[in-house]
């Protein structure tokens, strides 16, 4: 396991400790600098940890399906530096989250699809990343619902859980460059795949621009995400309060 991944875990834990210490009660206090700093560290640290786990999910399934090259590339170490470019894998996702509150995917693992045993397995490789986000979101919501914890942790973990659900809904869209398209791509014609390859590099950025600029797109996206969040037991009020601390600059 990469020490860089462990460092991200430490940042997340420190953020949780600061948030919990700043707001020890399960009632809404007045926001404080300590609470904001704690939630920001908790959410951003947790988001980058989930980025590593998301890409690890892709790589692990690919490894089990026959692509042993992912081990040589370091994808199974949870080292965020291995998932393409540090700027694309780390900096941009954080900026997108802070600017628009939308967890746009950044990292990527390069899979040798020719080594993957079947089309169904290739679909599972693409599905593994979003599924990891959904599982993380469900685990966090269950923890908030069943464990008595300070207010700062409630809002911070709820916001982080919502972000996992948003990442799942966004990534599962059947759009080139997103994992949802990777699920169906093995079953498409060669012509369709070639066309998709041409738009793959910039399609996710277009989606991000549409989501932050078109109210209708925002309503549909967040409406679906809210339904999924509620389905896994999320607390919308706590998540909203956590988002207020995360997007403190607004």
C-alpha atoms as a PDB file:
ATOM      1  CA  UNK A   1       0.000   0.000   0.000  1.00  0.00           C
ATOM      2  CA  UNK A   2       1.349   3.384  -1.014  1.00  0.00           C
ATOM      3  CA  UNK A   3       2.421   5.804   1.754  1.00  0.00           C
ATOM      4  CA  UNK A   4       0.762   8.536  -0.315  1.00  0.00           C
ATOM      5  CA  UNK A   5      -2.577   6.775   0.151  1.00  0.00           C
ATOM      6  CA  UNK A   6      -1.934   6.491   3.878  1.00  0.00           C
ATOM      7  CA  UNK A   7      -1.152  10.223   3.951  1.00  0.00           C
ATOM      8  CA  UNK A   8      -4.540  10.963   2.383  1.00  0.00           C
ATOM      9  CA  UNK A   9      -6.180   8.774   5.024  1.00  0.00           C
ATOM     10  CA  UNK A  10      -4.355  10.717   7.754  1.00  0.00           C
ATOM     11  CA  UNK A  11      -5.562  14.038   6.313  1.00  0.00           C
ATOM     12  CA  UNK A  12      -9.126  12.693   6.306  1.00  0.00           C
ATOM     13  CA  UNK A  13      -8.875  11.514   9.903  1.00  0.00           C
ATOM     14  CA  UNK A  14      -7.379  14.821  11.041  1.00  0.00           C
ATOM     15  CA  UNK A  15     -10.237  16.656   9.354  1.00  0.00           C
ATOM     16  CA  UNK A  16     -12.725  14.429  11.139  1.00  0.00           C
ATOM     17  CA  UNK A  17     -11.080  15.088  14.509  1.00  0.00           C
ATOM     18  CA  UNK A  18     -11.077  18.859  13.957  1.00  0.00           C
ATOM     19  CA  UNK A  19     -14.714  18.854  12.798  1.00  0.00           C
ATOM     20  CA  UNK A  20     -15.800  16.714  15.738  1.00  0.00           C
ATOM     21  CA  UNK A  21     -13.958  18.899  18.258  1.00  0.00           C
ATOM     22  CA  UNK A  22     -15.358  22.117  16.786  1.00  0.00           C
ATOM     23  CA  UNK A  23     -19.001  21.003  16.983  1.00  0.00           C
ATOM     24  CA  UNK A  24     -19.504  18.352  19.651  1.00  0.00           C
ATOM     25  CA  UNK A  25     -23.302  18.305  19.745  1.00  0.00           C
ATOM     26  CA  UNK A  26     -25.959  16.871  17.440  1.00  0.00           C
ATOM     27  CA  UNK A  27     -27.643  20.234  17.036  1.00  0.00           C
ATOM     28  CA  UNK A  28     -26.785  22.890  14.510  1.00  0.00           C
ATOM     29  CA  UNK A  29     -24.288  25.327  16.074  1.00  0.00           C
ATOM     30  CA  UNK A  30     -23.096  28.560  14.644  1.00  0.00           C
ATOM     31  CA  UNK A  31     -20.507  27.829  11.988  1.00  0.00           C
ATOM     32  CA  UNK A  32     -16.929  28.364  13.079  1.00  0.00           C
ATOM     33  CA  UNK A  33     -13.571  28.472  11.349  1.00  0.00           C
ATOM     34  CA  UNK A  34     -12.554  25.229  13.030  1.00  0.00           C
ATOM     35  CA  UNK A  35     -15.733  23.481  11.877  1.00  0.00           C
ATOM     36  CA  UNK A  36     -15.254  24.692   8.297  1.00  0.00           C
ATOM     37  CA  UNK A  37     -11.586  23.669   8.222  1.00  0.00           C
ATOM     38  CA  UNK A  38     -12.428  20.278   9.680  1.00  0.00           C
ATOM     39  CA  UNK A  39     -15.224  19.555   7.202  1.00  0.00           C
ATOM     40  CA  UNK A  40     -13.131  20.746   4.247  1.00  0.00           C
ATOM     41  CA  UNK A  41     -10.222  18.490   5.236  1.00  0.00           C
ATOM     42  CA  UNK A  42     -12.545  15.574   5.959  1.00  0.00           C
ATOM     43  CA  UNK A  43     -14.464  15.850   2.699  1.00  0.00           C
ATOM     44  CA  UNK A  44     -11.544  16.634   0.384  1.00  0.00           C
ATOM     45  CA  UNK A  45      -9.353  14.039   2.035  1.00  0.00           C
ATOM     46  CA  UNK A  46     -12.132  11.472   1.891  1.00  0.00           C
ATOM     47  CA  UNK A  47     -12.858  12.338  -1.736  1.00  0.00           C
ATOM     48  CA  UNK A  48      -9.241  11.781  -2.776  1.00  0.00           C
ATOM     49  CA  UNK A  49      -9.191   8.504  -0.833  1.00  0.00           C
ATOM     50  CA  UNK A  50     -12.300   7.439  -2.736  1.00  0.00           C
ATOM     51  CA  UNK A  51     -10.628   8.439  -6.029  1.00  0.00           C
ATOM     52  CA  UNK A  52      -7.873   5.939  -5.234  1.00  0.00           C
ATOM     53  CA  UNK A  53     -10.394   3.258  -4.263  1.00  0.00           C
ATOM     54  CA  UNK A  54     -12.440   3.942  -7.413  1.00  0.00           C
ATOM     55  CA  UNK A  55      -9.432   3.390  -9.678  1.00  0.00           C
ATOM     56  CA  UNK A  56      -8.259   0.443  -7.583  1.00  0.00           C
ATOM     57  CA  UNK A  57     -11.673  -1.136  -8.177  1.00  0.00           C
ATOM     58  CA  UNK A  58     -11.178  -0.902 -11.946  1.00  0.00           C
ATOM     59  CA  UNK A  59      -7.661  -2.326 -11.698  1.00  0.00           C
ATOM     60  CA  UNK A  60      -8.520  -5.142  -9.305  1.00  0.00           C
ATOM     61  CA  UNK A  61     -11.378  -6.437 -11.446  1.00  0.00           C
ATOM     62  CA  UNK A  62      -9.181  -6.151 -14.549  1.00  0.00           C
ATOM     63  CA  UNK A  63      -6.422  -8.075 -12.783  1.00  0.00           C
ATOM     64  CA  UNK A  64      -8.821 -10.852 -11.806  1.00  0.00           C
ATOM     65  CA  UNK A  65     -10.176 -10.896 -15.376  1.00  0.00           C
ATOM     66  CA  UNK A  66      -6.787 -11.470 -16.968  1.00  0.00           C
ATOM     67  CA  UNK A  67      -4.985  -8.123 -17.341  1.00  0.00           C
ATOM     68  CA  UNK A  68      -1.954  -8.714 -15.138  1.00  0.00           C
ATOM     69  CA  UNK A  69      -0.231  -5.601 -16.504  1.00  0.00           C
ATOM     70  CA  UNK A  70      -2.145  -3.439 -14.013  1.00  0.00           C
ATOM     71  CA  UNK A  71       0.041  -4.866 -11.250  1.00  0.00           C
ATOM     72  CA  UNK A  72       3.223  -3.857 -13.066  1.00  0.00           C
ATOM     73  CA  UNK A  73       1.830  -0.344 -13.584  1.00  0.00           C
ATOM     74  CA  UNK A  74       1.332   0.065  -9.825  1.00  0.00           C
ATOM     75  CA  UNK A  75      -2.424   0.421  -9.986  1.00  0.00           C
ATOM     76  CA  UNK A  76      -2.927  -2.052  -7.134  1.00  0.00           C
ATOM     77  CA  UNK A  77      -0.870   0.025  -4.675  1.00  0.00           C
ATOM     78  CA  UNK A  78      -3.555   2.724  -4.157  1.00  0.00           C
ATOM     79  CA  UNK A  79      -0.909   5.311  -5.106  1.00  0.00           C
ATOM     80  CA  UNK A  80      -2.795   8.301  -6.508  1.00  0.00           C
ATOM     81  CA  UNK A  81       0.293   9.284  -8.525  1.00  0.00           C
ATOM     82  CA  UNK A  82      -0.106   6.119 -10.604  1.00  0.00           C
ATOM     83  CA  UNK A  83      -3.523   7.078 -11.915  1.00  0.00           C
ATOM     84  CA  UNK A  84      -2.349   9.077 -14.953  1.00  0.00           C
ATOM     85  CA  UNK A  85      -1.323  12.677 -14.348  1.00  0.00           C
ATOM     86  CA  UNK A  86      -1.275  14.112 -10.807  1.00  0.00           C
ATOM     87  CA  UNK A  87      -3.005  17.270 -12.018  1.00  0.00           C
ATOM     88  CA  UNK A  88      -5.793  15.364 -13.743  1.00  0.00           C
ATOM     89  CA  UNK A  89      -6.080  12.734 -11.012  1.00  0.00           C
ATOM     90  CA  UNK A  90      -5.805  14.954  -7.960  1.00  0.00           C
ATOM     91  CA  UNK A  91      -5.859  18.717  -8.528  1.00  0.00           C
ATOM     92  CA  UNK A  92      -8.687  19.014 -11.063  1.00  0.00           C
ATOM     93  CA  UNK A  93     -11.180  16.790  -9.180  1.00  0.00           C
ATOM     94  CA  UNK A  94     -10.632  18.861  -6.037  1.00  0.00           C
ATOM     95  CA  UNK A  95     -11.047  22.141  -7.929  1.00  0.00           C
ATOM     96  CA  UNK A  96     -14.217  20.888  -9.630  1.00  0.00           C
ATOM     97  CA  UNK A  97     -15.609  19.854  -6.266  1.00  0.00           C
ATOM     98  CA  UNK A  98     -14.805  23.186  -4.609  1.00  0.00           C
ATOM     99  CA  UNK A  99     -16.046  25.281  -7.539  1.00  0.00           C
ATOM    100  CA  UNK A 100     -19.259  23.515  -8.429  1.00  0.00           C
ATOM    101  CA  UNK A 101     -19.785  20.915  -5.738  1.00  0.00           C
ATOM    102  CA  UNK A 102     -19.696  18.229  -8.434  1.00  0.00           C
ATOM    103  CA  UNK A 103     -17.301  15.261  -8.131  1.00  0.00           C
ATOM    104  CA  UNK A 104     -16.107  15.088 -11.710  1.00  0.00           C
ATOM    105  CA  UNK A 105     -13.850  12.054 -12.228  1.00  0.00           C
ATOM    106  CA  UNK A 106     -10.195  12.726 -12.883  1.00  0.00           C
ATOM    107  CA  UNK A 107      -8.048   9.636 -12.482  1.00  0.00           C
ATOM    108  CA  UNK A 108      -7.867   6.763 -14.912  1.00  0.00           C
ATOM    109  CA  UNK A 109      -6.217   3.390 -15.195  1.00  0.00           C
ATOM    110  CA  UNK A 110      -5.128   2.113 -18.587  1.00  0.00           C
ATOM    111  CA  UNK A 111      -6.529  -1.366 -19.052  1.00  0.00           C
ATOM    112  CA  UNK A 112      -5.261  -3.751 -21.735  1.00  0.00           C
ATOM    113  CA  UNK A 113      -8.712  -4.840 -22.865  1.00  0.00           C
ATOM    114  CA  UNK A 114      -7.195  -7.420 -25.169  1.00  0.00           C
ATOM    115  CA  UNK A 115      -6.119  -9.381 -22.105  1.00  0.00           C
ATOM    116  CA  UNK A 116      -9.530  -9.233 -20.420  1.00  0.00           C
ATOM    117  CA  UNK A 117     -11.278 -12.559 -20.907  1.00  0.00           C
ATOM    118  CA  UNK A 118     -14.696 -11.496 -22.221  1.00  0.00           C
ATOM    119  CA  UNK A 119     -16.951  -8.580 -23.111  1.00  0.00           C
ATOM    120  CA  UNK A 120     -18.893  -9.132 -19.888  1.00  0.00           C
ATOM    121  CA  UNK A 121     -15.670  -8.897 -17.911  1.00  0.00           C
ATOM    122  CA  UNK A 122     -14.759  -5.641 -19.682  1.00  0.00           C
ATOM    123  CA  UNK A 123     -18.139  -4.261 -18.674  1.00  0.00           C
ATOM    124  CA  UNK A 124     -17.509  -5.293 -15.067  1.00  0.00           C
ATOM    125  CA  UNK A 125     -14.135  -3.546 -15.136  1.00  0.00           C
ATOM    126  CA  UNK A 126     -15.879  -0.270 -16.027  1.00  0.00           C
ATOM    127  CA  UNK A 127     -18.678  -0.857 -13.526  1.00  0.00           C
ATOM    128  CA  UNK A 128     -16.293  -1.542 -10.644  1.00  0.00           C
ATOM    129  CA  UNK A 129     -15.352   2.129 -10.155  1.00  0.00           C
ATOM    130  CA  UNK A 130     -18.874   3.591  -9.822  1.00  0.00           C
ATOM    131  CA  UNK A 131     -19.922   0.587  -7.745  1.00  0.00           C
ATOM    132  CA  UNK A 132     -17.105   1.408  -5.321  1.00  0.00           C
ATOM    133  CA  UNK A 133     -18.455   4.950  -4.914  1.00  0.00           C
ATOM    134  CA  UNK A 134     -21.981   3.678  -4.303  1.00  0.00           C
ATOM    135  CA  UNK A 135     -20.775   1.177  -1.698  1.00  0.00           C
ATOM    136  CA  UNK A 136     -18.735   3.870   0.057  1.00  0.00           C
ATOM    137  CA  UNK A 137     -21.769   6.166   0.085  1.00  0.00           C
ATOM    138  CA  UNK A 138     -23.949   3.447   1.574  1.00  0.00           C
ATOM    139  CA  UNK A 139     -21.358   2.597   4.241  1.00  0.00           C
ATOM    140  CA  UNK A 140     -21.045   6.248   5.267  1.00  0.00           C
ATOM    141  CA  UNK A 141     -24.813   6.769   5.479  1.00  0.00           C
ATOM    142  CA  UNK A 142     -25.184   3.627   7.588  1.00  0.00           C
ATOM    143  CA  UNK A 143     -22.431   4.847   9.905  1.00  0.00           C
ATOM    144  CA  UNK A 144     -24.109   8.238  10.345  1.00  0.00           C
ATOM    145  CA  UNK A 145     -27.504   6.615  10.958  1.00  0.00           C
ATOM    146  CA  UNK A 146     -26.367   3.997  13.464  1.00  0.00           C
ATOM    147  CA  UNK A 147     -23.432   5.530  15.364  1.00  0.00           C
ATOM    148  CA  UNK A 148     -23.780   8.411  17.795  1.00  0.00           C
ATOM    149  CA  UNK A 149     -21.244  11.028  16.756  1.00  0.00           C
ATOM    150  CA  UNK A 150     -20.554  14.768  17.058  1.00  0.00           C
ATOM    151  CA  UNK A 151     -22.352  17.209  14.815  1.00  0.00           C
ATOM    152  CA  UNK A 152     -19.205  18.019  12.817  1.00  0.00           C
ATOM    153  CA  UNK A 153     -18.786  14.371  11.866  1.00  0.00           C
ATOM    154  CA  UNK A 154     -22.474  14.001  11.034  1.00  0.00           C
ATOM    155  CA  UNK A 155     -22.472  16.847   8.504  1.00  0.00           C
ATOM    156  CA  UNK A 156     -18.991  16.082   7.178  1.00  0.00           C
ATOM    157  CA  UNK A 157     -19.582  12.379   6.617  1.00  0.00           C
ATOM    158  CA  UNK A 158     -23.065  13.044   5.211  1.00  0.00           C
ATOM    159  CA  UNK A 159     -21.615  15.471   2.668  1.00  0.00           C
ATOM    160  CA  UNK A 160     -18.914  12.943   1.784  1.00  0.00           C
ATOM    161  CA  UNK A 161     -21.577  10.241   1.383  1.00  0.00           C
ATOM    162  CA  UNK A 162     -23.592  12.481  -0.927  1.00  0.00           C
ATOM    163  CA  UNK A 163     -20.471  13.149  -2.979  1.00  0.00           C
ATOM    164  CA  UNK A 164     -19.998   9.404  -3.414  1.00  0.00           C
ATOM    165  CA  UNK A 165     -23.566   9.103  -4.685  1.00  0.00           C
ATOM    166  CA  UNK A 166     -23.092  12.071  -7.027  1.00  0.00           C
ATOM    167  CA  UNK A 167     -19.921  10.442  -8.351  1.00  0.00           C
ATOM    168  CA  UNK A 168     -21.822   7.193  -8.928  1.00  0.00           C
ATOM    169  CA  UNK A 169     -24.675   8.857 -10.803  1.00  0.00           C
ATOM    170  CA  UNK A 170     -22.305  10.976 -12.896  1.00  0.00           C
ATOM    171  CA  UNK A 171     -19.929   8.135 -13.745  1.00  0.00           C
ATOM    172  CA  UNK A 172     -22.679   5.714 -14.682  1.00  0.00           C
ATOM    173  CA  UNK A 173     -23.927   7.974 -17.486  1.00  0.00           C
ATOM    174  CA  UNK A 174     -23.424   6.267 -20.892  1.00  0.00           C
ATOM    175  CA  UNK A 175     -21.237   9.091 -22.207  1.00  0.00           C
ATOM    176  CA  UNK A 176     -17.769   8.593 -23.764  1.00  0.00           C
ATOM    177  CA  UNK A 177     -15.111   9.240 -21.178  1.00  0.00           C
ATOM    178  CA  UNK A 178     -17.314   8.065 -18.307  1.00  0.00           C
ATOM    179  CA  UNK A 179     -17.552   4.571 -16.881  1.00  0.00           C
ATOM    180  CA  UNK A 180     -21.167   4.122 -17.907  1.00  0.00           C
ATOM    181  CA  UNK A 181     -20.086   4.203 -21.530  1.00  0.00           C
ATOM    182  CA  UNK A 182     -17.372   1.681 -20.753  1.00  0.00           C
ATOM    183  CA  UNK A 183     -20.057  -0.715 -19.529  1.00  0.00           C
ATOM    184  CA  UNK A 184     -21.826  -0.745 -22.902  1.00  0.00           C
ATOM    185  CA  UNK A 185     -18.810  -0.132 -25.160  1.00  0.00           C
ATOM    186  CA  UNK A 186     -17.819  -3.811 -25.561  1.00  0.00           C
ATOM    187  CA  UNK A 187     -21.164  -4.465 -27.237  1.00  0.00           C
ATOM    188  CA  UNK A 188     -21.010  -1.548 -29.702  1.00  0.00           C
ATOM    189  CA  UNK A 189     -19.892  -1.696 -33.321  1.00  0.00           C
ATOM    190  CA  UNK A 190     -16.361  -0.706 -34.343  1.00  0.00           C
ATOM    191  CA  UNK A 191     -17.709   2.456 -35.981  1.00  0.00           C
ATOM    192  CA  UNK A 192     -19.505   3.540 -32.815  1.00  0.00           C
ATOM    193  CA  UNK A 193     -16.383   2.972 -30.743  1.00  0.00           C
ATOM    194  CA  UNK A 194     -14.250   4.997 -33.169  1.00  0.00           C
ATOM    195  CA  UNK A 195     -16.728   7.875 -33.015  1.00  0.00           C
ATOM    196  CA  UNK A 196     -16.775   7.730 -29.237  1.00  0.00           C
ATOM    197  CA  UNK A 197     -12.973   7.817 -29.111  1.00  0.00           C
ATOM    198  CA  UNK A 198     -12.995  11.189 -30.881  1.00  0.00           C
ATOM    199  CA  UNK A 199     -15.163  12.859 -28.228  1.00  0.00           C
ATOM    200  CA  UNK A 200     -13.871  10.927 -25.200  1.00  0.00           C
ATOM    201  CA  UNK A 201     -11.198  13.471 -24.102  1.00  0.00           C
ATOM    202  CA  UNK A 202     -13.530  16.449 -23.749  1.00  0.00           C
ATOM    203  CA  UNK A 203     -17.007  14.966 -23.212  1.00  0.00           C
ATOM    204  CA  UNK A 204     -16.744  14.862 -19.373  1.00  0.00           C
ATOM    205  CA  UNK A 205     -15.702  18.529 -19.295  1.00  0.00           C
ATOM    206  CA  UNK A 206     -18.723  19.448 -21.432  1.00  0.00           C
ATOM    207  CA  UNK A 207     -20.937  17.601 -18.954  1.00  0.00           C
ATOM    208  CA  UNK A 208     -19.387  19.569 -16.087  1.00  0.00           C
ATOM    209  CA  UNK A 209     -19.982  22.892 -17.874  1.00  0.00           C
ATOM    210  CA  UNK A 210     -23.600  21.951 -18.574  1.00  0.00           C
ATOM    211  CA  UNK A 211     -24.174  20.955 -14.958  1.00  0.00           C
ATOM    212  CA  UNK A 212     -22.866  24.241 -13.567  1.00  0.00           C
ATOM    213  CA  UNK A 213     -24.481  26.470 -16.188  1.00  0.00           C
ATOM    214  CA  UNK A 214     -27.893  24.949 -16.985  1.00  0.00           C
ATOM    215  CA  UNK A 215     -30.442  24.941 -14.131  1.00  0.00           C
ATOM    216  CA  UNK A 216     -32.483  22.207 -15.819  1.00  0.00           C
ATOM    217  CA  UNK A 217     -29.455  19.912 -16.045  1.00  0.00           C
ATOM    218  CA  UNK A 218     -28.673  20.619 -12.397  1.00  0.00           C
ATOM    219  CA  UNK A 219     -32.230  19.833 -11.321  1.00  0.00           C
ATOM    220  CA  UNK A 220     -32.287  16.512 -13.163  1.00  0.00           C
ATOM    221  CA  UNK A 221     -28.825  15.458 -11.986  1.00  0.00           C
ATOM    222  CA  UNK A 222     -29.288  16.417  -8.345  1.00  0.00           C
ATOM    223  CA  UNK A 223     -32.866  15.103  -8.364  1.00  0.00           C
ATOM    224  CA  UNK A 224     -31.740  11.634  -9.416  1.00  0.00           C
ATOM    225  CA  UNK A 225     -28.781  11.773  -7.032  1.00  0.00           C
ATOM    226  CA  UNK A 226     -31.021  12.812  -4.132  1.00  0.00           C
ATOM    227  CA  UNK A 227     -33.302   9.854  -4.820  1.00  0.00           C
ATOM    228  CA  UNK A 228     -30.321   7.454  -4.795  1.00  0.00           C
ATOM    229  CA  UNK A 229     -28.944   9.152  -1.679  1.00  0.00           C
ATOM    230  CA  UNK A 230     -32.252   8.644   0.091  1.00  0.00           C
ATOM    231  CA  UNK A 231     -32.407   5.038  -1.115  1.00  0.00           C
ATOM    232  CA  UNK A 232     -29.120   4.223   0.623  1.00  0.00           C
ATOM    233  CA  UNK A 233     -30.296   5.916   3.830  1.00  0.00           C
ATOM    234  CA  UNK A 234     -28.715   9.346   3.442  1.00  0.00           C
ATOM    235  CA  UNK A 235     -29.607  12.367   5.592  1.00  0.00           C
ATOM    236  CA  UNK A 236     -30.304  15.213   3.117  1.00  0.00           C
ATOM    237  CA  UNK A 237     -30.364  17.921   5.804  1.00  0.00           C
ATOM    238  CA  UNK A 238     -27.011  16.918   7.273  1.00  0.00           C
ATOM    239  CA  UNK A 239     -25.492  16.586   3.797  1.00  0.00           C
ATOM    240  CA  UNK A 240     -26.717  20.066   2.868  1.00  0.00           C
ATOM    241  CA  UNK A 241     -25.184  21.543   6.012  1.00  0.00           C
ATOM    242  CA  UNK A 242     -21.926  19.774   5.259  1.00  0.00           C
ATOM    243  CA  UNK A 243     -21.935  21.158   1.713  1.00  0.00           C
ATOM    244  CA  UNK A 244     -22.414  24.655   3.159  1.00  0.00           C
ATOM    245  CA  UNK A 245     -19.185  24.230   5.137  1.00  0.00           C
ATOM    246  CA  UNK A 246     -17.362  22.701   2.137  1.00  0.00           C
ATOM    247  CA  UNK A 247     -18.354  25.503  -0.211  1.00  0.00           C
ATOM    248  CA  UNK A 248     -17.582  28.155   2.405  1.00  0.00           C
ATOM    249  CA  UNK A 249     -16.540  30.712  -0.209  1.00  0.00           C
ATOM    250  CA  UNK A 250     -20.038  31.077  -1.647  1.00  0.00           C
END
